[in-house]
Amino acid sequence: RLKELAMQRRCFGELAINLWHHRFRCDLHSCINALSQE
């Protein structure tokens, strides 16, 4: 499910990549907002 959203919503893509390498930034706030809509 996360992989689906990572391809659809930038914030989840950024999060997945940030947890691979810290040089990539992510918008965690947008991820949490999207989580509340699931």
PDB file of all heavy atoms in Angstrom:
ATOM      1  N   ARG A   1       0.843  -1.206   0.000  1.00  0.00           N
ATOM      2  CA  ARG A   1       0.000   0.000   0.000  1.00  0.00           C
ATOM      3  C   ARG A   1       0.873   1.248   0.000  1.00  0.00           C
ATOM      4  O   ARG A   1       0.611   2.207  -0.730  1.00  0.00           O
ATOM      5  CB  ARG A   1      -0.936  -0.007   1.216  1.00  0.00           C
ATOM      6  CG  ARG A   1      -1.776   1.228   1.351  1.00  0.00           C
ATOM      7  CD  ARG A   1      -2.750   1.386   0.200  1.00  0.00           C
ATOM      8  NE  ARG A   1      -3.520   2.600   0.347  1.00  0.00           N
ATOM      9  CZ  ARG A   1      -3.848   3.398  -0.663  1.00  0.00           C
ATOM     10  NH1 ARG A   1      -3.502   3.098  -1.891  1.00  0.00           N
ATOM     11  NH2 ARG A   1      -4.546   4.484  -0.444  1.00  0.00           N
ATOM     12  N   LEU A   2       1.914   1.244   0.799  1.00  0.00           N
ATOM     13  CA  LEU A   2       2.817   2.390   0.834  1.00  0.00           C
ATOM     14  C   LEU A   2       3.499   2.578  -0.523  1.00  0.00           C
ATOM     15  O   LEU A   2       3.637   3.704  -0.994  1.00  0.00           O
ATOM     16  CB  LEU A   2       3.869   2.234   1.927  1.00  0.00           C
ATOM     17  CG  LEU A   2       4.768   3.464   1.963  1.00  0.00           C
ATOM     18  CD1 LEU A   2       4.522   4.270   3.196  1.00  0.00           C
ATOM     19  CD2 LEU A   2       6.184   3.102   1.750  1.00  0.00           C
ATOM     20  N   LYS A   3       3.893   1.501  -1.151  1.00  0.00           N
ATOM     21  CA  LYS A   3       4.533   1.600  -2.465  1.00  0.00           C
ATOM     22  C   LYS A   3       3.584   2.204  -3.499  1.00  0.00           C
ATOM     23  O   LYS A   3       3.996   3.021  -4.319  1.00  0.00           O
ATOM     24  CB  LYS A   3       5.031   0.224  -2.919  1.00  0.00           C
ATOM     25  CG  LYS A   3       6.253  -0.254  -2.145  1.00  0.00           C
ATOM     26  CD  LYS A   3       6.622  -1.678  -2.475  1.00  0.00           C
ATOM     27  CE  LYS A   3       7.351  -1.799  -3.783  1.00  0.00           C
ATOM     28  NZ  LYS A   3       7.894  -3.161  -4.002  1.00  0.00           N
ATOM     29  N   GLU A   4       2.306   1.814  -3.437  1.00  0.00           N
ATOM     30  CA  GLU A   4       1.312   2.414  -4.334  1.00  0.00           C
ATOM     31  C   GLU A   4       1.277   3.930  -4.146  1.00  0.00           C
ATOM     32  O   GLU A   4       1.320   4.690  -5.112  1.00  0.00           O
ATOM     33  CB  GLU A   4      -0.090   1.869  -4.036  1.00  0.00           C
ATOM     34  CG  GLU A   4      -0.351   0.455  -4.424  1.00  0.00           C
ATOM     35  CD  GLU A   4      -1.717  -0.009  -3.917  1.00  0.00           C
ATOM     36  OE1 GLU A   4      -2.607   0.833  -3.654  1.00  0.00           O
ATOM     37  OE2 GLU A   4      -1.883  -1.226  -3.765  1.00  0.00           O
ATOM     38  N   LEU A   5       1.174   4.339  -2.894  1.00  0.00           N
ATOM     39  CA  LEU A   5       1.085   5.771  -2.607  1.00  0.00           C
ATOM     40  C   LEU A   5       2.385   6.504  -2.904  1.00  0.00           C
ATOM     41  O   LEU A   5       2.357   7.672  -3.275  1.00  0.00           O
ATOM     42  CB  LEU A   5       0.668   6.000  -1.152  1.00  0.00           C
ATOM     43  CG  LEU A   5      -0.793   5.703  -0.858  1.00  0.00           C
ATOM     44  CD1 LEU A   5      -1.088   5.839   0.618  1.00  0.00           C
ATOM     45  CD2 LEU A   5      -1.701   6.628  -1.662  1.00  0.00           C
ATOM     46  N   ALA A   6       3.507   5.832  -2.747  1.00  0.00           N
ATOM     47  CA  ALA A   6       4.797   6.462  -3.037  1.00  0.00           C
ATOM     48  C   ALA A   6       4.914   6.823  -4.513  1.00  0.00           C
ATOM     49  O   ALA A   6       5.605   7.781  -4.868  1.00  0.00           O
ATOM     50  CB  ALA A   6       5.945   5.548  -2.622  1.00  0.00           C
ATOM     51  N   MET A   7       4.227   6.074  -5.360  1.00  0.00           N
ATOM     52  CA  MET A   7       4.229   6.392  -6.789  1.00  0.00           C
ATOM     53  C   MET A   7       3.194   7.470  -7.129  1.00  0.00           C
ATOM     54  O   MET A   7       3.308   8.133  -8.142  1.00  0.00           O
ATOM     55  CB  MET A   7       3.956   5.133  -7.613  1.00  0.00           C
ATOM     56  CG  MET A   7       5.074   4.113  -7.545  1.00  0.00           C
ATOM     57  SD  MET A   7       6.687   4.740  -8.078  1.00  0.00           S
ATOM     58  CE  MET A   7       6.423   4.916  -9.832  1.00  0.00           C
ATOM     59  N   GLN A   8       2.206   7.658  -6.254  1.00  0.00           N
ATOM     60  CA  GLN A   8       1.136   8.617  -6.514  1.00  0.00           C
ATOM     61  C   GLN A   8       1.331   9.953  -5.807  1.00  0.00           C
ATOM     62  O   GLN A   8       0.906  10.989  -6.313  1.00  0.00           O
ATOM     63  CB  GLN A   8      -0.214   8.040  -6.075  1.00  0.00           C
ATOM     64  CG  GLN A   8      -0.626   6.806  -6.820  1.00  0.00           C
ATOM     65  CD  GLN A   8      -1.831   6.133  -6.172  1.00  0.00           C
ATOM     66  OE1 GLN A   8      -2.429   6.645  -5.237  1.00  0.00           O
ATOM     67  NE2 GLN A   8      -2.175   4.960  -6.676  1.00  0.00           N
ATOM     68  N   ARG A   9       1.927   9.919  -4.631  1.00  0.00           N
ATOM     69  CA  ARG A   9       2.071  11.133  -3.822  1.00  0.00           C
ATOM     70  C   ARG A   9       3.525  11.336  -3.459  1.00  0.00           C
ATOM     71  O   ARG A   9       4.168  10.469  -2.868  1.00  0.00           O
ATOM     72  CB  ARG A   9       1.228  11.019  -2.553  1.00  0.00           C
ATOM     73  CG  ARG A   9      -0.258  10.866  -2.910  1.00  0.00           C
ATOM     74  CD  ARG A   9      -1.175  11.165  -1.825  1.00  0.00           C
ATOM     75  NE  ARG A   9      -0.970  12.483  -1.244  1.00  0.00           N
ATOM     76  CZ  ARG A   9      -1.703  12.931  -0.259  1.00  0.00           C
ATOM     77  NH1 ARG A   9      -2.663  12.191   0.243  1.00  0.00           N
ATOM     78  NH2 ARG A   9      -1.489  14.124   0.258  1.00  0.00           N
ATOM     79  N   ARG A  10       4.017  12.485  -3.791  1.00  0.00           N
ATOM     80  CA  ARG A  10       5.430  12.816  -3.607  1.00  0.00           C
ATOM     81  C   ARG A  10       5.902  12.616  -2.157  1.00  0.00           C
ATOM     82  O   ARG A  10       6.998  12.112  -1.925  1.00  0.00           O
ATOM     83  CB  ARG A  10       5.686  14.249  -4.059  1.00  0.00           C
ATOM     84  CG  ARG A  10       7.134  14.646  -3.977  1.00  0.00           C
ATOM     85  CD  ARG A  10       7.348  16.100  -4.394  1.00  0.00           C
ATOM     86  NE  ARG A  10       8.738  16.431  -4.325  1.00  0.00           N
ATOM     87  CZ  ARG A  10       9.569  16.424  -5.355  1.00  0.00           C
ATOM     88  NH1 ARG A  10       9.117  16.116  -6.554  1.00  0.00           N
ATOM     89  NH2 ARG A  10      10.835  16.728  -5.199  1.00  0.00           N
ATOM     90  N   CYS A  11       5.081  13.013  -1.184  1.00  0.00           N
ATOM     91  CA  CYS A  11       5.530  12.944   0.213  1.00  0.00           C
ATOM     92  C   CYS A  11       5.893  11.516   0.616  1.00  0.00           C
ATOM     93  O   CYS A  11       6.870  11.305   1.346  1.00  0.00           O
ATOM     94  CB  CYS A  11       4.514  13.560   1.159  1.00  0.00           C
ATOM     95  SG  CYS A  11       2.922  12.714   1.248  1.00  0.00           S
ATOM     96  N   PHE A  12       5.131  10.519   0.127  1.00  0.00           N
ATOM     97  CA  PHE A  12       5.446   9.134   0.473  1.00  0.00           C
ATOM     98  C   PHE A  12       6.678   8.641  -0.280  1.00  0.00           C
ATOM     99  O   PHE A  12       7.459   7.856   0.247  1.00  0.00           O
ATOM    100  CB  PHE A  12       4.245   8.225   0.234  1.00  0.00           C
ATOM    101  CG  PHE A  12       3.133   8.480   1.199  1.00  0.00           C
ATOM    102  CD1 PHE A  12       1.976   9.113   0.785  1.00  0.00           C
ATOM    103  CD2 PHE A  12       3.254   8.125   2.528  1.00  0.00           C
ATOM    104  CE1 PHE A  12       0.952   9.370   1.678  1.00  0.00           C
ATOM    105  CE2 PHE A  12       2.243   8.378   3.427  1.00  0.00           C
ATOM    106  CZ  PHE A  12       1.083   9.011   3.011  1.00  0.00           C
ATOM    107  N   GLY A  13       6.849   9.113  -1.501  1.00  0.00           N
ATOM    108  CA  GLY A  13       8.067   8.795  -2.250  1.00  0.00           C
ATOM    109  C   GLY A  13       9.287   9.363  -1.546  1.00  0.00           C
ATOM    110  O   GLY A  13      10.313   8.691  -1.397  1.00  0.00           O
ATOM    111  N   GLU A  14       9.167  10.611  -1.100  1.00  0.00           N
ATOM    112  CA  GLU A  14      10.275  11.249  -0.384  1.00  0.00           C
ATOM    113  C   GLU A  14      10.597  10.520   0.919  1.00  0.00           C
ATOM    114  O   GLU A  14      11.763  10.335   1.260  1.00  0.00           O
ATOM    115  CB  GLU A  14       9.929  12.708  -0.075  1.00  0.00           C
ATOM    116  CG  GLU A  14       9.883  13.605  -1.279  1.00  0.00           C
ATOM    117  CD  GLU A  14       9.374  14.993  -0.952  1.00  0.00           C
ATOM    118  OE1 GLU A  14       8.700  15.187   0.080  1.00  0.00           O
ATOM    119  OE2 GLU A  14       9.646  15.904  -1.752  1.00  0.00           O
ATOM    120  N   LEU A  15       9.563  10.109   1.633  1.00  0.00           N
ATOM    121  CA  LEU A  15       9.783   9.385   2.892  1.00  0.00           C
ATOM    122  C   LEU A  15      10.529   8.079   2.646  1.00  0.00           C
ATOM    123  O   LEU A  15      11.506   7.771   3.339  1.00  0.00           O
ATOM    124  CB  LEU A  15       8.454   9.106   3.593  1.00  0.00           C
ATOM    125  CG  LEU A  15       8.551   8.249   4.855  1.00  0.00           C
ATOM    126  CD1 LEU A  15       9.349   8.969   5.938  1.00  0.00           C
ATOM    127  CD2 LEU A  15       7.173   7.876   5.354  1.00  0.00           C
ATOM    128  N   ALA A  16      10.079   7.330   1.657  1.00  0.00           N
ATOM    129  CA  ALA A  16      10.730   6.053   1.355  1.00  0.00           C
ATOM    130  C   ALA A  16      12.194   6.256   1.000  1.00  0.00           C
ATOM    131  O   ALA A  16      13.065   5.499   1.447  1.00  0.00           O
ATOM    132  CB  ALA A  16       9.995   5.345   0.222  1.00  0.00           C
ATOM    133  N   ILE A  17      12.481   7.287   0.234  1.00  0.00           N
ATOM    134  CA  ILE A  17      13.866   7.553  -0.175  1.00  0.00           C
ATOM    135  C   ILE A  17      14.680   8.122   0.985  1.00  0.00           C
ATOM    136  O   ILE A  17      15.849   7.791   1.151  1.00  0.00           O
ATOM    137  CB  ILE A  17      13.901   8.482  -1.402  1.00  0.00           C
ATOM    138  CG1 ILE A  17      13.226   7.794  -2.589  1.00  0.00           C
ATOM    139  CG2 ILE A  17      15.326   8.875  -1.755  1.00  0.00           C
ATOM    140  CD1 ILE A  17      13.783   6.422  -2.924  1.00  0.00           C
ATOM    141  N   ASN A  18      14.064   8.956   1.822  1.00  0.00           N
ATOM    142  CA  ASN A  18      14.763   9.501   2.985  1.00  0.00           C
ATOM    143  C   ASN A  18      15.212   8.391   3.926  1.00  0.00           C
ATOM    144  O   ASN A  18      16.283   8.474   4.525  1.00  0.00           O
ATOM    145  CB  ASN A  18      13.869  10.496   3.726  1.00  0.00           C
ATOM    146  CG  ASN A  18      14.507  11.019   4.986  1.00  0.00           C
ATOM    147  OD1 ASN A  18      14.244  10.484   6.072  1.00  0.00           O
ATOM    148  ND2 ASN A  18      15.343  12.020   4.864  1.00  0.00           N
ATOM    149  N   LEU A  19      14.406   7.331   4.034  1.00  0.00           N
ATOM    150  CA  LEU A  19      14.787   6.215   4.903  1.00  0.00           C
ATOM    151  C   LEU A  19      15.804   5.287   4.249  1.00  0.00           C
ATOM    152  O   LEU A  19      16.267   4.329   4.859  1.00  0.00           O
ATOM    153  CB  LEU A  19      13.536   5.436   5.332  1.00  0.00           C
ATOM    154  CG  LEU A  19      12.605   6.219   6.256  1.00  0.00           C
ATOM    155  CD1 LEU A  19      11.338   5.424   6.526  1.00  0.00           C
ATOM    156  CD2 LEU A  19      13.296   6.609   7.547  1.00  0.00           C
ATOM    157  N   TRP A  20      16.182   5.606   3.031  1.00  0.00           N
ATOM    158  CA  TRP A  20      17.296   4.924   2.350  1.00  0.00           C
ATOM    159  C   TRP A  20      18.560   5.740   2.577  1.00  0.00           C
ATOM    160  O   TRP A  20      19.590   5.213   2.973  1.00  0.00           O
ATOM    161  CB  TRP A  20      16.993   4.787   0.880  1.00  0.00           C
ATOM    162  CG  TRP A  20      18.080   4.170   0.038  1.00  0.00           C
ATOM    163  CD1 TRP A  20      19.141   3.420   0.480  1.00  0.00           C
ATOM    164  CD2 TRP A  20      18.224   4.234  -1.368  1.00  0.00           C
ATOM    165  NE1 TRP A  20      19.921   3.010  -0.579  1.00  0.00           N
ATOM    166  CE2 TRP A  20      19.368   3.512  -1.737  1.00  0.00           C
ATOM    167  CE3 TRP A  20      17.470   4.839  -2.372  1.00  0.00           C
ATOM    168  CZ2 TRP A  20      19.786   3.374  -3.046  1.00  0.00           C
ATOM    169  CZ3 TRP A  20      17.891   4.689  -3.671  1.00  0.00           C
ATOM    170  CH2 TRP A  20      19.036   3.959  -3.997  1.00  0.00           C
ATOM    171  N   HIS A  21      18.443   7.046   2.344  1.00  0.00           N
ATOM    172  CA  HIS A  21      19.609   7.914   2.513  1.00  0.00           C
ATOM    173  C   HIS A  21      19.159   9.284   2.994  1.00  0.00           C
ATOM    174  O   HIS A  21      18.268   9.895   2.389  1.00  0.00           O
ATOM    175  CB  HIS A  21      20.379   8.037   1.197  1.00  0.00           C
ATOM    176  CG  HIS A  21      21.763   8.552   1.390  1.00  0.00           C
ATOM    177  ND1 HIS A  21      22.035   9.844   1.736  1.00  0.00           N
ATOM    178  CD2 HIS A  21      22.956   7.927   1.319  1.00  0.00           C
ATOM    179  CE1 HIS A  21      23.328  10.015   1.859  1.00  0.00           C
ATOM    180  NE2 HIS A  21      23.912   8.857   1.608  1.00  0.00           N
ATOM    181  N   HIS A  22      19.770   9.763   4.051  1.00  0.00           N
ATOM    182  CA  HIS A  22      19.348  11.000   4.703  1.00  0.00           C
ATOM    183  C   HIS A  22      19.524  12.253   3.845  1.00  0.00           C
ATOM    184  O   HIS A  22      18.947  13.291   4.140  1.00  0.00           O
ATOM    185  CB  HIS A  22      20.103  11.173   6.023  1.00  0.00           C
ATOM    186  CG  HIS A  22      21.554  11.461   5.838  1.00  0.00           C
ATOM    187  ND1 HIS A  22      22.467  10.444   5.653  1.00  0.00           N
ATOM    188  CD2 HIS A  22      22.234  12.614   5.776  1.00  0.00           C
ATOM    189  CE1 HIS A  22      23.675  10.982   5.499  1.00  0.00           C
ATOM    190  NE2 HIS A  22      23.549  12.281   5.562  1.00  0.00           N
ATOM    191  N   ARG A  23      20.289  12.193   2.788  1.00  0.00           N
ATOM    192  CA  ARG A  23      20.498  13.404   1.973  1.00  0.00           C
ATOM    193  C   ARG A  23      19.216  13.818   1.239  1.00  0.00           C
ATOM    194  O   ARG A  23      19.091  14.934   0.783  1.00  0.00           O
ATOM    195  CB  ARG A  23      21.649  13.218   0.997  1.00  0.00           C
ATOM    196  CG  ARG A  23      21.335  12.359  -0.201  1.00  0.00           C
ATOM    197  CD  ARG A  23      22.510  12.329  -1.191  1.00  0.00           C
ATOM    198  NE  ARG A  23      22.183  11.528  -2.333  1.00  0.00           N
ATOM    199  CZ  ARG A  23      22.617  10.298  -2.560  1.00  0.00           C
ATOM    200  NH1 ARG A  23      23.419   9.727  -1.689  1.00  0.00           N
ATOM    201  NH2 ARG A  23      22.261   9.643  -3.635  1.00  0.00           N
ATOM    202  N   PHE A  24      18.244  12.904   1.164  1.00  0.00           N
ATOM    203  CA  PHE A  24      16.960  13.217   0.548  1.00  0.00           C
ATOM    204  C   PHE A  24      15.996  13.699   1.630  1.00  0.00           C
ATOM    205  O   PHE A  24      15.820  13.036   2.645  1.00  0.00           O
ATOM    206  CB  PHE A  24      16.382  11.995  -0.166  1.00  0.00           C
ATOM    207  CG  PHE A  24      17.225  11.513  -1.304  1.00  0.00           C
ATOM    208  CD1 PHE A  24      18.029  10.399  -1.167  1.00  0.00           C
ATOM    209  CD2 PHE A  24      17.229  12.189  -2.518  1.00  0.00           C
ATOM    210  CE1 PHE A  24      18.818   9.957  -2.220  1.00  0.00           C
ATOM    211  CE2 PHE A  24      18.007  11.760  -3.574  1.00  0.00           C
ATOM    212  CZ  PHE A  24      18.801  10.631  -3.422  1.00  0.00           C
ATOM    213  N   ARG A  25      15.386  14.833   1.399  1.00  0.00           N
ATOM    214  CA  ARG A  25      14.448  15.413   2.367  1.00  0.00           C
ATOM    215  C   ARG A  25      13.051  14.840   2.146  1.00  0.00           C
ATOM    216  O   ARG A  25      12.738  14.360   1.068  1.00  0.00           O
ATOM    217  CB  ARG A  25      14.426  16.926   2.209  1.00  0.00           C
ATOM    218  CG  ARG A  25      15.788  17.549   2.479  1.00  0.00           C
ATOM    219  CD  ARG A  25      15.765  19.031   2.225  1.00  0.00           C
ATOM    220  NE  ARG A  25      14.729  19.684   2.991  1.00  0.00           N
ATOM    221  CZ  ARG A  25      14.934  20.443   4.059  1.00  0.00           C
ATOM    222  NH1 ARG A  25      16.151  20.662   4.455  1.00  0.00           N
ATOM    223  NH2 ARG A  25      13.934  20.995   4.704  1.00  0.00           N
ATOM    224  N   CYS A  26      12.229  14.914   3.182  1.00  0.00           N
ATOM    225  CA  CYS A  26      10.840  14.481   3.028  1.00  0.00           C
ATOM    226  C   CYS A  26       9.917  15.392   3.826  1.00  0.00           C
ATOM    227  O   CYS A  26      10.329  16.006   4.805  1.00  0.00           O
ATOM    228  CB  CYS A  26      10.663  13.026   3.446  1.00  0.00           C
ATOM    229  SG  CYS A  26      10.799  12.717   5.197  1.00  0.00           S
ATOM    230  N   ASP A  27       8.672  15.452   3.388  1.00  0.00           N
ATOM    231  CA  ASP A  27       7.635  16.252   4.033  1.00  0.00           C
ATOM    232  C   ASP A  27       6.785  15.321   4.890  1.00  0.00           C
ATOM    233  O   ASP A  27       5.745  14.826   4.452  1.00  0.00           O
ATOM    234  CB  ASP A  27       6.806  16.951   2.958  1.00  0.00           C
ATOM    235  CG  ASP A  27       5.696  17.806   3.538  1.00  0.00           C
ATOM    236  OD1 ASP A  27       5.585  17.908   4.779  1.00  0.00           O
ATOM    237  OD2 ASP A  27       4.919  18.371   2.737  1.00  0.00           O
ATOM    238  N   LEU A  28       7.236  15.063   6.085  1.00  0.00           N
ATOM    239  CA  LEU A  28       6.552  14.134   6.979  1.00  0.00           C
ATOM    240  C   LEU A  28       5.159  14.640   7.355  1.00  0.00           C
ATOM    241  O   LEU A  28       4.224  13.853   7.501  1.00  0.00           O
ATOM    242  CB  LEU A  28       7.399  13.875   8.227  1.00  0.00           C
ATOM    243  CG  LEU A  28       6.948  12.772   9.148  1.00  0.00           C
ATOM    244  CD1 LEU A  28       6.815  11.456   8.400  1.00  0.00           C
ATOM    245  CD2 LEU A  28       7.907  12.623  10.308  1.00  0.00           C
ATOM    246  N   HIS A  29       5.009  15.939   7.457  1.00  0.00           N
ATOM    247  CA  HIS A  29       3.710  16.535   7.801  1.00  0.00           C
ATOM    248  C   HIS A  29       2.635  16.121   6.778  1.00  0.00           C
ATOM    249  O   HIS A  29       1.530  15.741   7.151  1.00  0.00           O
ATOM    250  CB  HIS A  29       3.830  18.060   7.872  1.00  0.00           C
ATOM    251  CG  HIS A  29       2.568  18.737   8.271  1.00  0.00           C
ATOM    252  ND1 HIS A  29       2.107  18.748   9.561  1.00  0.00           N
ATOM    253  CD2 HIS A  29       1.657  19.422   7.536  1.00  0.00           C
ATOM    254  CE1 HIS A  29       0.970  19.408   9.614  1.00  0.00           C
ATOM    255  NE2 HIS A  29       0.676  19.832   8.387  1.00  0.00           N
ATOM    256  N   SER A  30       2.971  16.162   5.501  1.00  0.00           N
ATOM    257  CA  SER A  30       2.014  15.751   4.463  1.00  0.00           C
ATOM    258  C   SER A  30       1.688  14.267   4.564  1.00  0.00           C
ATOM    259  O   SER A  30       0.541  13.861   4.325  1.00  0.00           O
ATOM    260  CB  SER A  30       2.565  16.068   3.070  1.00  0.00           C
ATOM    261  OG  SER A  30       2.609  17.460   2.877  1.00  0.00           O
ATOM    262  N   CYS A  31       2.663  13.454   4.919  1.00  0.00           N
ATOM    263  CA  CYS A  31       2.411  12.013   5.100  1.00  0.00           C
ATOM    264  C   CYS A  31       1.417  11.786   6.230  1.00  0.00           C
ATOM    265  O   CYS A  31       0.486  10.987   6.094  1.00  0.00           O
ATOM    266  CB  CYS A  31       3.709  11.276   5.400  1.00  0.00           C
ATOM    267  SG  CYS A  31       4.851  11.170   4.018  1.00  0.00           S
ATOM    268  N   ILE A  32       1.598  12.486   7.334  1.00  0.00           N
ATOM    269  CA  ILE A  32       0.711  12.321   8.488  1.00  0.00           C
ATOM    270  C   ILE A  32      -0.695  12.799   8.146  1.00  0.00           C
ATOM    271  O   ILE A  32      -1.679  12.159   8.522  1.00  0.00           O
ATOM    272  CB  ILE A  32       1.270  13.059   9.723  1.00  0.00           C
ATOM    273  CG1 ILE A  32       2.647  12.497  10.105  1.00  0.00           C
ATOM    274  CG2 ILE A  32       0.300  12.997  10.889  1.00  0.00           C
ATOM    275  CD1 ILE A  32       2.681  11.010  10.362  1.00  0.00           C
ATOM    276  N   ASN A  33      -0.807  13.915   7.421  1.00  0.00           N
ATOM    277  CA  ASN A  33      -2.132  14.378   6.998  1.00  0.00           C
ATOM    278  C   ASN A  33      -2.813  13.355   6.105  1.00  0.00           C
ATOM    279  O   ASN A  33      -4.007  13.089   6.250  1.00  0.00           O
ATOM    280  CB  ASN A  33      -2.028  15.724   6.273  1.00  0.00           C
ATOM    281  CG  ASN A  33      -1.844  16.869   7.237  1.00  0.00           C
ATOM    282  OD1 ASN A  33      -2.132  16.763   8.417  1.00  0.00           O
ATOM    283  ND2 ASN A  33      -1.343  17.980   6.728  1.00  0.00           N
ATOM    284  N   ALA A  34      -2.081  12.781   5.169  1.00  0.00           N
ATOM    285  CA  ALA A  34      -2.645  11.766   4.280  1.00  0.00           C
ATOM    286  C   ALA A  34      -3.051  10.521   5.069  1.00  0.00           C
ATOM    287  O   ALA A  34      -4.063   9.881   4.763  1.00  0.00           O
ATOM    288  CB  ALA A  34      -1.647  11.398   3.191  1.00  0.00           C
ATOM    289  N   LEU A  35      -2.283  10.196   6.076  1.00  0.00           N
ATOM    290  CA  LEU A  35      -2.588   9.036   6.917  1.00  0.00           C
ATOM    291  C   LEU A  35      -3.959   9.175   7.574  1.00  0.00           C
ATOM    292  O   LEU A  35      -4.711   8.205   7.657  1.00  0.00           O
ATOM    293  CB  LEU A  35      -1.494   8.880   7.983  1.00  0.00           C
ATOM    294  CG  LEU A  35      -1.613   7.739   8.956  1.00  0.00           C
ATOM    295  CD1 LEU A  35      -1.519   6.417   8.227  1.00  0.00           C
ATOM    296  CD2 LEU A  35      -0.508   7.848   9.994  1.00  0.00           C
ATOM    297  N   SER A  36      -4.301  10.381   7.979  1.00  0.00           N
ATOM    298  CA  SER A  36      -5.592  10.599   8.645  1.00  0.00           C
ATOM    299  C   SER A  36      -6.774  10.414   7.687  1.00  0.00           C
ATOM    300  O   SER A  36      -7.902  10.228   8.128  1.00  0.00           O
ATOM    301  CB  SER A  36      -5.641  11.992   9.275  1.00  0.00           C
ATOM    302  OG  SER A  36      -5.668  12.981   8.266  1.00  0.00           O
ATOM    303  N   GLN A  37      -6.515  10.420   6.384  1.00  0.00           N
ATOM    304  CA  GLN A  37      -7.574  10.256   5.389  1.00  0.00           C
ATOM    305  C   GLN A  37      -7.735   8.811   4.928  1.00  0.00           C
ATOM    306  O   GLN A  37      -8.663   8.497   4.181  1.00  0.00           O
ATOM    307  CB  GLN A  37      -7.280  11.145   4.174  1.00  0.00           C
ATOM    308  CG  GLN A  37      -7.235  12.613   4.527  1.00  0.00           C
ATOM    309  CD  GLN A  37      -6.688  13.469   3.402  1.00  0.00           C
ATOM    310  OE1 GLN A  37      -6.523  13.006   2.282  1.00  0.00           O
ATOM    311  NE2 GLN A  37      -6.392  14.710   3.716  1.00  0.00           N
ATOM    312  N   GLU A  38      -6.858   7.921   5.348  1.00  0.00           N
ATOM    313  CA  GLU A  38      -6.915   6.512   4.943  1.00  0.00           C
ATOM    314  C   GLU A  38      -8.036   5.788   5.684  1.00  0.00           C
ATOM    315  O   GLU A  38      -8.272   6.044   6.861  1.00  0.00           O
ATOM    316  CB  GLU A  38      -5.591   5.817   5.247  1.00  0.00           C
ATOM    317  CG  GLU A  38      -4.504   6.095   4.252  1.00  0.00           C
ATOM    318  CD  GLU A  38      -4.721   5.403   2.918  1.00  0.00           C
ATOM    319  OE1 GLU A  38      -4.888   4.167   2.882  1.00  0.00           O
ATOM    320  OE2 GLU A  38      -4.713   6.115   1.908  1.00  0.00           O
TER     321      GLU A  38
END
